[in-house]
Amino acid sequence: MTRTLRGAIALAGAAALSLGAVATTGAAAPDAAPAAAQEVKIGLLLPESKTTRYEKFDRPYIEQKIKELAPGAQIDYYNAAESASTQQQQVNTALAKGDQVLILDAVDAKSIQSSVQKARDAGVKVVAYDRLAQGPVDAYVSYDNRKVGELQGKALLDALGDKAGSGQIVMHNGSPTDPNAAEFKEGAHSVLDGKVKIGKEYDTPNWDPNNANQQMSGAISALGKGNIVGVYSANDGLAAGIATALKSAGMNVPLTGQDAQLDAIQRILLGTQTITVEKPYKPEADAAATMAVNLAEGKEIPSSLTRTTVTSGSGEKVPSTLLTPVVVNKDNIKDTVVKDGLYTVKEICTPTYADACKEAGLQ
């Protein structure tokens, strides 16, 4: 297990132990009303479902941890389907239902600010999840997003080797309404600038793979396929659209990603994607759930989860947990996503990928 992954798991474990200690010391006498009877109502608002992580990992992990910490908790779930206005309406619904805490992964970090303020005015706490919403947020959990971009940029340079100076790369940076995308971009540029020539660079609205596919096809037409030596993709969803465009053009060049989606792991095995960045979902989900349950019960968030302060786009200083990402390549699939329980070898190594799995030592 990598040092960074051990750190992420240890952080999540510390949160669980800290919460357990609070629950133990707060236990009532046998003839008193049990503490568990306290009502806990939490709204979980996720941004979209095109990226597989949200429905496959984030939602179930968060809900599982909430139920573990507060078995009688009411969880109201909403998915905004990439619509900022829909998410604003969902916040209104959650407030009307009497949710005490919102775990909010914003579609648009700026436009949701008025909804965050509305929650504050109603006495409702907001835990920003994965993306830091603007407005008076009470806590934030995510990964070190600039570090993600740095890891992606370094992996691309390593894959390019001597070709870094002989051609151009294309950059696909993600949605302009997602503050994380700006940090990925900043981190990648800090590594790539001056080392490679950037022939085309795109922001990709809504993290839409179809948009990325069209952008990549346009870049190939404009630059010429013989002049493109690599592609920076901010996540695996975009990489899927980009890989399709590259294949259509008869190209196979180094390509980055993020989120460790199953299809990305399989592309890495085939050699049509170079790396992805794994951000283990369970430590992030557990931290958000722990924050939310503590706030719903009127308690302080464990200090182990508020060691960092991050300044939001609207200037608020938010107590935060920032976890450490991990690069996944063909050589360490078994020691990362398989060992972490993200996927089984059976899930990865379907018949189409059997030979590649054997070559990578997975079977």
Protein backbone atom coordinates (compact mmCIF):
# COMPACT_ATOMS: atom_id res chain seq x y z
CA MET A 1 0.00 0.00 0.00
CA THR A 2 1.37 3.46 -0.86
CA ARG A 3 2.30 5.93 1.84
CA THR A 4 -0.30 8.41 0.55
CA LEU A 5 -3.04 5.80 0.61
CA ARG A 6 -2.07 4.71 4.12
CA GLY A 7 -2.37 8.35 5.13
CA ALA A 8 -5.84 8.67 3.67
CA ILE A 9 -7.03 5.47 5.36
CA ALA A 10 -5.44 6.46 8.65
CA LEU A 11 -7.19 9.81 8.50
CA ALA A 12 -10.55 8.15 7.97
CA GLY A 13 -9.81 5.71 10.80
CA ALA A 14 -8.90 8.57 13.12
CA ALA A 15 -12.22 10.21 12.35
CA ALA A 16 -14.11 7.04 13.16
CA LEU A 17 -12.21 6.56 16.43
CA SER A 18 -12.78 10.16 17.40
CA LEU A 19 -16.50 9.88 16.76
CA GLY A 20 -16.63 6.58 18.63
CA ALA A 21 -15.05 8.23 21.65
CA VAL A 22 -17.69 10.95 21.63
CA ALA A 23 -20.48 8.39 21.42
CA THR A 24 -19.05 6.36 24.33
CA THR A 25 -18.57 9.27 26.72
CA GLY A 26 -22.03 10.59 25.87
CA ALA A 27 -23.84 7.31 26.72
CA ALA A 28 -26.82 7.75 29.01
CA ALA A 29 -27.64 5.81 32.18
CA PRO A 30 -29.83 2.71 31.61
CA ASP A 31 -33.00 4.42 32.79
CA ALA A 32 -32.41 7.64 30.83
CA ALA A 33 -33.59 8.46 27.30
CA PRO A 34 -31.01 6.99 24.88
CA ALA A 35 -28.81 9.47 23.03
CA ALA A 36 -29.53 7.65 19.76
CA ALA A 37 -33.10 8.88 19.92
CA GLN A 38 -31.94 12.35 18.88
CA GLU A 39 -33.26 13.12 15.42
CA VAL A 40 -30.69 13.35 12.64
CA LYS A 41 -31.83 14.60 9.23
CA ILE A 42 -29.22 15.04 6.51
CA GLY A 43 -29.62 16.12 2.89
CA LEU A 44 -27.11 14.64 0.42
CA LEU A 45 -26.81 16.63 -2.80
CA LEU A 46 -24.58 15.27 -5.56
CA PRO A 47 -23.93 17.03 -8.89
CA GLU A 48 -24.38 14.45 -11.65
CA SER A 49 -24.34 10.81 -12.65
CA LYS A 50 -22.36 10.76 -15.90
CA THR A 51 -19.23 10.34 -13.80
CA THR A 52 -19.74 6.85 -12.40
CA ARG A 53 -18.23 7.57 -8.99
CA TYR A 54 -21.22 9.42 -7.58
CA GLU A 55 -23.86 6.70 -7.75
CA LYS A 56 -21.49 3.72 -7.52
CA PHE A 57 -19.28 4.91 -4.67
CA ASP A 58 -19.93 8.32 -3.09
CA ARG A 59 -23.63 7.95 -2.38
CA PRO A 60 -23.55 4.42 -0.91
CA TYR A 61 -20.41 5.08 1.13
CA ILE A 62 -21.80 8.30 2.61
CA GLU A 63 -25.18 6.77 3.38
CA GLN A 64 -23.57 3.69 4.92
CA LYS A 65 -21.37 5.76 7.24
CA ILE A 66 -24.24 8.02 8.30
CA LYS A 67 -26.33 4.97 9.21
CA GLU A 68 -23.40 3.48 11.09
CA LEU A 69 -23.00 6.62 13.18
CA ALA A 70 -26.71 7.46 13.51
CA PRO A 71 -28.82 4.35 12.77
CA GLY A 72 -32.10 6.26 12.85
CA ALA A 73 -30.94 9.07 10.58
CA GLN A 74 -33.15 10.34 7.78
CA ILE A 75 -31.17 10.83 4.57
CA ASP A 76 -32.75 12.83 1.75
CA TYR A 77 -30.88 12.23 -1.50
CA TYR A 78 -30.77 14.49 -4.57
CA ASN A 79 -28.83 14.34 -7.84
CA ALA A 80 -28.79 17.57 -9.86
CA ALA A 81 -28.03 15.92 -13.25
CA GLU A 82 -25.47 18.67 -14.02
CA SER A 83 -28.04 21.47 -13.60
CA ALA A 84 -27.12 24.33 -11.27
CA SER A 85 -30.71 25.59 -11.17
CA THR A 86 -31.98 22.11 -10.32
CA GLN A 87 -29.52 21.91 -7.45
CA GLN A 88 -30.69 25.26 -6.11
CA GLN A 89 -34.26 23.96 -6.12
CA GLN A 90 -33.10 20.80 -4.38
CA VAL A 91 -31.54 22.86 -1.59
CA ASN A 92 -34.90 24.59 -1.14
CA THR A 93 -36.61 21.20 -0.93
CA ALA A 94 -34.09 19.93 1.63
CA LEU A 95 -34.61 23.02 3.78
CA ALA A 96 -38.39 22.62 3.55
CA LYS A 97 -38.05 19.00 4.71
CA GLY A 98 -36.23 20.15 7.82
CA ASP A 99 -32.78 18.73 7.06
CA GLN A 100 -30.31 19.89 9.70
CA VAL A 101 -27.16 19.45 7.60
CA LEU A 102 -26.53 19.44 3.86
CA ILE A 103 -23.65 17.49 2.33
CA LEU A 104 -23.25 19.48 -0.87
CA ASP A 105 -21.19 18.67 -3.96
CA ALA A 106 -21.88 21.77 -6.03
CA VAL A 107 -22.62 21.74 -9.75
CA ASP A 108 -21.61 25.40 -9.90
CA ALA A 109 -19.64 26.57 -6.87
CA LYS A 110 -20.45 30.24 -7.51
CA SER A 111 -24.14 30.11 -8.34
CA ILE A 112 -24.90 27.91 -5.32
CA GLN A 113 -23.66 30.65 -2.97
CA SER A 114 -27.13 32.13 -2.44
CA SER A 115 -28.45 28.69 -1.51
CA VAL A 116 -25.64 28.18 1.00
CA GLN A 117 -26.50 31.56 2.51
CA LYS A 118 -30.17 30.56 2.66
CA ALA A 119 -29.19 27.44 4.57
CA ARG A 120 -27.10 29.47 7.01
CA ASP A 121 -30.00 31.86 7.56
CA ALA A 122 -32.22 28.86 8.34
CA GLY A 123 -29.73 27.50 10.87
CA VAL A 124 -28.77 24.60 8.61
CA LYS A 125 -25.11 23.53 8.41
CA VAL A 126 -23.39 22.87 5.08
CA VAL A 127 -20.56 20.39 4.51
CA ALA A 128 -18.96 20.99 1.10
CA TYR A 129 -18.06 17.66 -0.46
CA ASP A 130 -15.32 17.24 -3.06
CA ARG A 131 -15.95 20.73 -4.50
CA LEU A 132 -15.78 23.84 -2.32
CA ALA A 133 -19.01 25.80 -2.71
CA GLN A 134 -18.93 29.53 -2.19
CA GLY A 135 -20.80 31.10 0.72
CA PRO A 136 -20.76 30.38 4.49
CA VAL A 137 -19.81 26.70 4.36
CA ASP A 138 -19.22 25.04 7.76
CA ALA A 139 -16.73 22.34 6.70
CA TYR A 140 -15.11 20.90 3.58
CA VAL A 141 -13.65 17.54 2.60
CA SER A 142 -11.83 16.81 -0.63
CA TYR A 143 -8.47 15.83 -2.06
CA ASP A 144 -5.51 18.11 -2.68
CA ASN A 145 -6.68 19.14 -6.11
CA ARG A 146 -3.58 21.04 -7.12
CA LYS A 147 -1.58 17.94 -6.28
CA VAL A 148 -3.85 15.92 -8.58
CA GLY A 149 -2.92 18.21 -11.48
CA GLU A 150 0.76 18.01 -10.59
CA LEU A 151 0.66 14.21 -10.57
CA GLN A 152 -1.13 14.15 -13.91
CA GLY A 153 1.34 16.57 -15.48
CA LYS A 154 4.36 14.67 -14.19
CA ALA A 155 2.94 11.35 -15.40
CA LEU A 156 2.38 12.84 -18.85
CA LEU A 157 5.94 14.18 -19.00
CA ASP A 158 7.34 10.83 -17.88
CA ALA A 159 5.34 9.04 -20.57
CA LEU A 160 6.45 11.48 -23.26
CA GLY A 161 10.12 11.18 -22.43
CA ASP A 162 12.25 12.58 -25.28
CA LYS A 163 9.11 13.33 -27.31
CA ALA A 164 8.17 16.16 -24.92
CA GLY A 165 10.14 18.64 -26.98
CA SER A 166 9.31 17.31 -30.43
CA GLY A 167 5.56 17.90 -30.72
CA GLN A 168 2.50 19.43 -29.10
CA ILE A 169 0.04 18.33 -26.44
CA VAL A 170 -3.67 19.01 -26.12
CA MET A 171 -5.18 19.91 -22.71
CA HIS A 172 -8.76 19.17 -21.59
CA ASN A 173 -9.24 20.86 -18.22
CA GLY A 174 -12.80 20.09 -17.15
CA SER A 175 -15.82 22.22 -16.35
CA PRO A 176 -15.28 25.97 -15.89
CA THR A 177 -17.97 26.03 -13.16
CA ASP A 178 -16.11 23.46 -11.03
CA PRO A 179 -13.49 25.06 -8.76
CA ASN A 180 -11.61 21.77 -8.63
CA ALA A 181 -11.03 21.92 -12.39
CA ALA A 182 -9.22 25.23 -11.99
CA GLU A 183 -6.94 23.66 -9.37
CA PHE A 184 -6.23 20.59 -11.51
CA LYS A 185 -5.37 22.94 -14.35
CA GLU A 186 -3.12 25.08 -12.16
CA GLY A 187 -1.27 22.04 -10.87
CA ALA A 188 -0.80 20.57 -14.35
CA HIS A 189 0.48 23.85 -15.77
CA SER A 190 2.98 24.17 -12.92
CA VAL A 191 4.60 20.98 -14.19
CA LEU A 192 4.04 21.21 -17.95
CA ASP A 193 4.74 24.87 -18.72
CA GLY A 194 8.14 25.31 -20.33
CA LYS A 195 8.52 21.56 -20.84
CA VAL A 196 6.01 21.00 -23.65
CA LYS A 197 4.25 23.04 -26.28
CA ILE A 198 0.50 23.25 -25.72
CA GLY A 199 -1.11 23.22 -29.15
CA LYS A 200 -4.74 23.40 -28.00
CA GLU A 201 -6.33 23.84 -24.59
CA TYR A 202 -9.99 23.48 -23.68
CA ASP A 203 -12.33 23.87 -20.76
CA THR A 204 -15.02 21.20 -21.11
CA PRO A 205 -18.49 22.25 -19.88
CA ASN A 206 -20.24 19.83 -17.50
CA TRP A 207 -17.34 17.37 -17.73
CA ASP A 208 -19.14 15.99 -20.77
CA PRO A 209 -17.27 13.17 -22.59
CA ASN A 210 -19.10 14.04 -25.82
CA ASN A 211 -17.75 17.59 -25.64
CA ALA A 212 -14.25 16.24 -25.03
CA ASN A 213 -14.60 13.94 -28.03
CA GLN A 214 -15.57 16.85 -30.28
CA GLN A 215 -12.80 19.05 -28.88
CA MET A 216 -10.19 16.35 -29.47
CA SER A 217 -11.41 15.72 -33.01
CA GLY A 218 -11.16 19.46 -33.66
CA ALA A 219 -7.64 19.58 -32.25
CA ILE A 220 -6.53 16.70 -34.46
CA SER A 221 -7.91 18.48 -37.52
CA ALA A 222 -6.31 21.79 -36.57
CA LEU A 223 -2.88 20.55 -35.49
CA GLY A 224 -2.50 17.41 -37.56
CA LYS A 225 -2.31 14.01 -35.93
CA GLY A 226 1.41 13.69 -36.59
CA ASN A 227 2.10 16.76 -34.49
CA ILE A 228 0.28 15.66 -31.30
CA VAL A 229 2.47 13.70 -28.88
CA GLY A 230 0.21 13.54 -25.81
CA VAL A 231 -3.07 14.58 -24.21
CA TYR A 232 -3.78 15.92 -20.75
CA SER A 233 -7.27 14.91 -19.60
CA ALA A 234 -8.45 16.12 -16.21
CA ASN A 235 -10.63 13.07 -15.55
CA ASP A 236 -11.53 9.62 -16.84
CA GLY A 237 -14.90 10.66 -18.24
CA LEU A 238 -13.22 13.14 -20.55
CA ALA A 239 -10.52 10.57 -21.31
CA ALA A 240 -13.18 8.17 -22.58
CA GLY A 241 -14.35 10.68 -25.19
CA ILE A 242 -10.78 11.63 -26.05
CA ALA A 243 -9.68 8.00 -26.45
CA THR A 244 -12.52 7.42 -28.92
CA ALA A 245 -11.42 10.42 -30.99
CA LEU A 246 -7.80 9.25 -30.93
CA LYS A 247 -8.78 5.75 -32.02
CA SER A 248 -10.88 7.14 -34.87
CA ALA A 249 -7.84 9.05 -36.07
CA GLY A 250 -5.58 6.01 -35.79
CA MET A 251 -3.62 7.55 -32.91
CA ASN A 252 -2.29 6.19 -29.64
CA VAL A 253 -0.45 8.75 -27.51
CA PRO A 254 -0.02 9.18 -23.75
CA LEU A 255 -3.33 10.16 -22.10
CA THR A 256 -4.03 11.05 -18.46
CA GLY A 257 -7.17 10.79 -16.35
CA GLN A 258 -8.59 10.89 -12.84
CA ASP A 259 -11.16 9.04 -10.67
CA ALA A 260 -10.00 5.47 -11.36
CA GLN A 261 -13.14 4.56 -13.26
CA LEU A 262 -13.40 0.92 -14.28
CA ASP A 263 -13.28 1.71 -17.99
CA ALA A 264 -10.16 3.81 -17.39
CA ILE A 265 -8.42 0.93 -15.62
CA GLN A 266 -9.27 -1.26 -18.59
CA ARG A 267 -7.95 1.34 -21.05
CA ILE A 268 -4.72 1.48 -19.04
CA LEU A 269 -4.40 -2.29 -19.42
CA LEU A 270 -4.86 -1.98 -23.19
CA GLY A 271 -2.44 0.93 -23.43
CA THR A 272 -4.97 3.48 -24.69
CA GLN A 273 -4.76 5.48 -21.44
CA THR A 274 -1.53 5.97 -19.53
CA ILE A 275 -2.56 6.74 -15.95
CA THR A 276 -5.48 7.70 -13.79
CA VAL A 277 -5.45 9.32 -10.37
CA GLU A 278 -7.22 7.40 -7.64
CA LYS A 279 -8.86 9.43 -4.91
CA PRO A 280 -10.08 6.66 -2.58
CA TYR A 281 -13.77 7.42 -2.14
CA LYS A 282 -14.38 5.79 1.22
CA PRO A 283 -12.07 8.00 3.33
CA GLU A 284 -13.61 11.08 1.70
CA ALA A 285 -17.16 9.81 2.17
CA ASP A 286 -16.52 8.72 5.76
CA ALA A 287 -15.07 12.12 6.64
CA ALA A 288 -18.09 13.97 5.16
CA ALA A 289 -20.56 11.69 6.93
CA THR A 290 -18.73 12.09 10.25
CA MET A 291 -18.73 15.87 9.88
CA ALA A 292 -22.45 15.91 9.04
CA VAL A 293 -23.58 13.63 11.86
CA ASN A 294 -21.60 15.60 14.44
CA LEU A 295 -23.08 18.87 13.21
CA ALA A 296 -26.61 17.41 13.13
CA GLU A 297 -26.20 16.27 16.74
CA GLY A 298 -24.97 19.71 17.81
CA LYS A 299 -21.40 18.55 18.42
CA GLU A 300 -18.06 19.86 17.32
CA ILE A 301 -16.43 18.24 14.31
CA PRO A 302 -13.50 16.05 15.48
CA SER A 303 -10.28 18.05 15.37
CA SER A 304 -8.70 15.30 13.27
CA LEU A 305 -10.99 16.44 10.44
CA THR A 306 -10.36 20.18 10.69
CA ARG A 307 -6.59 20.42 10.65
CA THR A 308 -6.53 22.52 7.48
CA THR A 309 -8.25 25.77 6.52
CA VAL A 310 -9.14 26.47 2.88
CA THR A 311 -10.32 29.81 1.52
CA SER A 312 -13.31 29.56 -0.81
CA GLY A 313 -13.93 31.60 -3.94
CA SER A 314 -16.12 33.95 -1.91
CA GLY A 315 -13.42 34.50 0.72
CA GLU A 316 -14.70 32.29 3.56
CA LYS A 317 -12.07 30.39 5.53
CA VAL A 318 -13.43 26.87 5.85
CA PRO A 319 -12.22 24.14 8.26
CA SER A 320 -11.17 21.32 5.97
CA THR A 321 -9.83 17.83 5.42
CA LEU A 322 -7.66 17.42 2.33
CA LEU A 323 -6.71 13.84 1.48
CA THR A 324 -3.83 12.71 -0.72
CA PRO A 325 -4.37 11.26 -4.24
CA VAL A 326 -2.54 8.27 -5.74
CA VAL A 327 -1.36 7.67 -9.34
CA VAL A 328 -2.51 4.39 -10.89
CA ASN A 329 -0.66 2.91 -13.85
CA LYS A 330 -0.42 -0.52 -15.46
CA ASP A 331 2.18 -1.67 -12.94
CA ASN A 332 0.30 -0.93 -9.72
CA ILE A 333 -3.35 -1.73 -10.46
CA LYS A 334 -3.26 -4.69 -8.07
CA ASP A 335 -1.70 -2.62 -5.29
CA THR A 336 -4.14 0.29 -5.65
CA VAL A 337 -7.69 -0.13 -6.91
CA VAL A 338 -7.80 -3.91 -6.33
CA LYS A 339 -6.17 -3.79 -2.89
CA ASP A 340 -8.38 -0.86 -1.90
CA GLY A 341 -11.50 -2.87 -2.77
CA LEU A 342 -12.58 -0.52 -5.52
CA TYR A 343 -12.82 -3.36 -8.06
CA THR A 344 -12.16 -7.08 -8.08
CA VAL A 345 -9.87 -8.71 -10.60
CA LYS A 346 -12.96 -10.42 -12.00
CA GLU A 347 -14.64 -7.06 -12.62
CA ILE A 348 -11.57 -5.69 -14.38
CA CYS A 349 -10.51 -8.75 -16.30
CA THR A 350 -13.51 -9.52 -18.47
CA PRO A 351 -12.77 -11.63 -21.58
CA THR A 352 -11.91 -8.57 -23.67
CA TYR A 353 -9.09 -7.69 -21.25
CA ALA A 354 -7.96 -11.20 -20.27
CA ASP A 355 -4.67 -11.15 -22.20
CA ALA A 356 -3.81 -7.65 -20.97
CA CYS A 357 -4.60 -8.71 -17.40
CA LYS A 358 -2.22 -11.67 -17.65
CA GLU A 359 0.49 -9.41 -19.02
CA ALA A 360 -0.01 -7.01 -16.10
CA GLY A 361 0.12 -9.82 -13.55
CA LEU A 362 -3.50 -9.53 -12.48
CA GLN A 363 -4.29 -13.13 -13.42
